[in-house]
Protein backbone atom coordinates (compact mmCIF):
# COMPACT_ATOMS: atom_id res chain seq x y z
CA UNK A 1 2.72 23.43 8.35
CA UNK A 2 5.69 21.30 7.32
CA UNK A 3 7.29 18.90 9.78
CA UNK A 4 10.99 18.07 9.92
CA UNK A 5 12.10 16.04 6.93
CA UNK A 6 8.76 16.38 5.12
CA UNK A 7 8.14 18.22 1.93
CA UNK A 8 5.13 20.59 1.76
CA UNK A 9 3.28 18.20 -0.60
CA UNK A 10 3.86 15.22 1.72
CA UNK A 11 2.65 17.04 4.84
CA UNK A 12 -0.55 18.23 3.11
CA UNK A 13 -1.40 14.68 2.08
CA UNK A 14 -1.01 13.28 5.59
CA UNK A 15 -3.21 16.01 7.05
CA UNK A 16 -6.05 15.10 4.67
CA UNK A 17 -6.10 11.44 5.73
CA UNK A 18 -8.36 10.93 8.72
CA UNK A 19 -6.87 8.17 10.81
CA UNK A 20 -7.09 7.16 14.45
CA UNK A 21 -3.93 5.07 14.54
CA UNK A 22 -0.55 4.76 12.91
CA UNK A 23 -0.40 3.90 9.23
CA UNK A 24 0.90 0.34 9.26
CA UNK A 25 2.67 -1.77 6.69
CA UNK A 26 0.90 -4.37 4.60
CA UNK A 27 1.16 -7.82 6.11
CA UNK A 28 2.76 -10.43 3.85
CA UNK A 29 -0.12 -12.74 4.83
CA UNK A 30 -2.83 -10.31 3.71
CA UNK A 31 -5.18 -11.31 0.90
CA UNK A 32 -5.21 -8.68 -1.83
CA UNK A 33 -7.75 -8.30 -4.61
CA UNK A 34 -8.04 -5.66 -7.33
CA UNK A 35 -10.68 -4.83 -9.94
CA UNK A 36 -10.74 -2.21 -12.70
CA UNK A 37 -14.07 -0.40 -12.95
CA UNK A 38 -15.59 1.55 -15.82
CA UNK A 39 -17.17 4.09 -13.49
CA UNK A 40 -16.17 7.09 -11.46
CA UNK A 41 -14.54 6.78 -8.06
CA UNK A 42 -17.46 8.72 -6.53
CA UNK A 43 -20.00 6.10 -7.66
CA UNK A 44 -17.82 3.24 -6.44
CA UNK A 45 -17.16 4.95 -3.10
CA UNK A 46 -20.88 5.60 -2.62
CA UNK A 47 -21.53 1.85 -3.00
CA UNK A 48 -18.76 1.03 -0.51
CA UNK A 49 -20.29 3.44 2.00
CA UNK A 50 -23.67 1.64 1.78
CA UNK A 51 -22.65 -0.84 4.47
CA UNK A 52 -26.06 -2.54 4.62
CA UNK A 53 -25.65 -3.57 0.96
CA UNK A 54 -22.29 -5.29 1.45
CA UNK A 55 -23.82 -8.81 1.62
CA UNK A 56 -25.21 -8.24 -1.90
CA UNK A 57 -21.73 -8.05 -3.42
CA UNK A 58 -19.33 -9.11 -0.65
CA UNK A 59 -19.80 -12.87 -0.43
CA UNK A 60 -17.64 -13.02 2.70
CA UNK A 61 -20.41 -11.26 4.66
CA UNK A 62 -23.80 -12.66 5.58
CA UNK A 63 -24.92 -9.45 7.29
CA UNK A 64 -23.40 -6.00 7.69
CA UNK A 65 -24.80 -3.01 9.53
CA UNK A 66 -23.70 0.25 11.07
CA UNK A 67 -24.11 0.18 14.83
CA UNK A 68 -25.40 3.77 14.76
CA UNK A 69 -27.69 4.09 11.71
CA UNK A 70 -28.32 7.82 12.02
CA UNK A 71 -24.83 8.99 11.08
CA UNK A 72 -22.97 8.54 7.78
CA UNK A 73 -19.94 6.30 7.48
CA UNK A 74 -16.99 8.23 8.88
CA UNK A 75 -13.88 7.90 11.02
CA UNK A 76 -14.82 6.09 14.24
CA UNK A 77 -18.02 4.52 12.87
CA UNK A 78 -18.69 1.01 14.13
CA UNK A 79 -19.77 -1.78 11.81
CA UNK A 80 -21.16 -5.15 12.91
CA UNK A 81 -20.24 -7.82 10.38
CA UNK A 82 -21.27 -11.48 10.35
CA UNK A 83 -19.25 -13.79 8.15
CA UNK A 84 -20.77 -16.22 5.67
CA UNK A 85 -19.69 -19.27 7.69
CA UNK A 86 -22.81 -20.73 9.40
CA UNK A 87 -22.76 -20.23 13.16
CA UNK A 88 -20.15 -17.50 13.06
CA UNK A 89 -20.71 -14.71 15.56
CA UNK A 90 -21.13 -11.09 14.60
CA UNK A 91 -17.83 -9.21 14.77
CA UNK A 92 -17.45 -5.54 15.55
CA UNK A 93 -15.18 -3.40 13.35
CA UNK A 94 -14.28 0.27 13.62
CA UNK A 95 -13.44 2.64 10.77
CA UNK A 96 -9.89 3.69 11.59
CA UNK A 97 -9.00 5.32 8.26
CA UNK A 98 -11.35 7.31 6.10
CA UNK A 99 -10.62 9.57 3.16
CA UNK A 100 -13.80 10.64 1.42
CA UNK A 101 -13.87 9.20 -2.09
CA UNK A 102 -10.75 7.07 -1.67
CA UNK A 103 -10.24 4.98 1.49
CA UNK A 104 -12.35 3.09 4.02
CA UNK A 105 -10.33 0.95 6.40
CA UNK A 106 -11.85 -1.24 9.12
CA UNK A 107 -10.01 -2.75 12.05
CA UNK A 108 -11.40 -5.40 14.38
CA UNK A 109 -12.61 -3.87 17.64
CA UNK A 110 -11.33 -6.81 19.69
CA UNK A 111 -8.43 -7.93 17.50
CA UNK A 112 -6.31 -5.36 15.68
CA UNK A 113 -4.99 -8.20 13.52
CA UNK A 114 -8.36 -8.36 11.72
CA UNK A 115 -8.52 -5.70 9.02
CA UNK A 116 -10.52 -4.94 5.88
CA UNK A 117 -9.31 -2.13 3.61
CA UNK A 118 -11.10 -0.65 0.60
CA UNK A 119 -9.06 1.75 -1.55
CA UNK A 120 -10.02 3.44 -4.80
CA UNK A 121 -7.46 4.72 -7.30
CA UNK A 122 -8.51 7.08 -10.07
CA UNK A 123 -7.14 6.21 -13.47
CA UNK A 124 -8.63 8.83 -15.79
CA UNK A 125 -12.22 7.84 -16.51
CA UNK A 126 -11.63 4.44 -14.94
CA UNK A 127 -11.23 3.49 -11.30
CA UNK A 128 -9.28 0.70 -9.67
CA UNK A 129 -10.67 -0.92 -6.52
CA UNK A 130 -8.13 -2.51 -4.18
CA UNK A 131 -9.37 -4.64 -1.27
CA UNK A 132 -7.10 -6.08 1.40
CA UNK A 133 -8.19 -8.66 3.98
CA UNK A 134 -6.02 -9.44 6.94
CA UNK A 135 -6.78 -11.95 9.68
CA UNK A 136 -4.72 -13.89 12.21
CA UNK A 137 -3.82 -17.54 11.85
CA UNK A 138 -2.76 -19.29 15.01
CA UNK A 139 -0.69 -22.37 15.65
CA UNK A 140 2.73 -21.31 14.40
CA UNK A 141 4.14 -22.60 11.12
CA UNK A 142 1.83 -25.63 11.05
CA UNK A 143 -1.24 -23.46 11.64
CA UNK A 144 -0.16 -21.06 8.89
CA UNK A 145 0.34 -23.98 6.49
CA UNK A 146 -3.09 -25.43 7.24
CA UNK A 147 -4.62 -21.97 6.80
CA UNK A 148 -2.96 -21.57 3.38
CA UNK A 149 -4.32 -24.93 2.23
CA UNK A 150 -7.88 -24.51 3.55
CA UNK A 151 -9.38 -21.16 4.58
CA UNK A 152 -7.08 -18.86 2.63
CA UNK A 153 -7.92 -20.49 -0.72
CA UNK A 154 -11.65 -20.11 -0.06
CA UNK A 155 -11.20 -16.50 1.01
CA UNK A 156 -9.16 -15.64 -2.07
CA UNK A 157 -11.82 -17.17 -4.33
CA UNK A 158 -14.66 -15.45 -2.47
CA UNK A 159 -12.87 -12.08 -2.65
CA UNK A 160 -12.30 -12.49 -6.39
CA UNK A 161 -16.00 -13.28 -6.94
CA UNK A 162 -17.02 -10.38 -4.71
CA UNK A 163 -15.01 -7.90 -6.75
CA UNK A 164 -16.70 -9.11 -9.95
CA UNK A 165 -20.11 -8.63 -8.28
CA UNK A 166 -19.07 -5.15 -7.12
CA UNK A 167 -17.98 -4.27 -10.66
CA UNK A 168 -21.34 -5.40 -12.04
CA UNK A 169 -23.30 -3.38 -9.49
CA UNK A 170 -21.35 -0.16 -9.79
CA UNK A 171 -21.19 -0.26 -13.59
CA UNK A 172 -24.90 -1.10 -13.83
CA UNK A 173 -25.67 1.86 -11.58
CA UNK A 174 -23.43 4.06 -13.72
CA UNK A 175 -25.31 3.15 -16.92
CA UNK A 176 -28.42 5.17 -17.66
CA UNK A 177 -31.51 3.23 -16.57
CA UNK A 178 -33.35 4.17 -19.77
CA UNK A 179 -30.56 2.84 -21.97
CA UNK A 180 -30.30 -0.48 -20.11
CA UNK A 181 -34.02 -1.21 -19.95
CA UNK A 182 -35.16 0.60 -23.08
CA UNK A 183 -36.42 -2.53 -24.83
CA UNK A 184 -38.79 -3.50 -21.98
């Protein structure tokens, strides 16, 4: 079915994307990180869907768990995430966009300005992981300036390190176990 002003190819793509809200624009204040991977998108997406393993590679998270363990990660799944800052409370996120093998997008349950997006782009035999973090900074222009000088720098560095850890894990998983440990 083609809507007004949409080409057939465009309408098919929007029907495949499972989303519970409108597709919003990227905030200019969002923190963006990318990493090229020498593995398939399926292997990388499988690691992203293992929410309980996020603290292993995502240094921004101290703990991560699905609220309902019995069901796979899907649209509407709830994830409880505790940041790495000591004393920080657990925050509830909901999967509001999910495209199997490509996109997992989380939005804060109590603040829609908090968002974490994971997107995979296939590039032949390689895959590109794109992660976007978005969070509010309060206090007007002065608050935004203080955030840029303090928290934002730490978050950018932590995201960069996290993507390197993710690359190591997914590429190590992709390598044959016998070939990696053959000399032991």
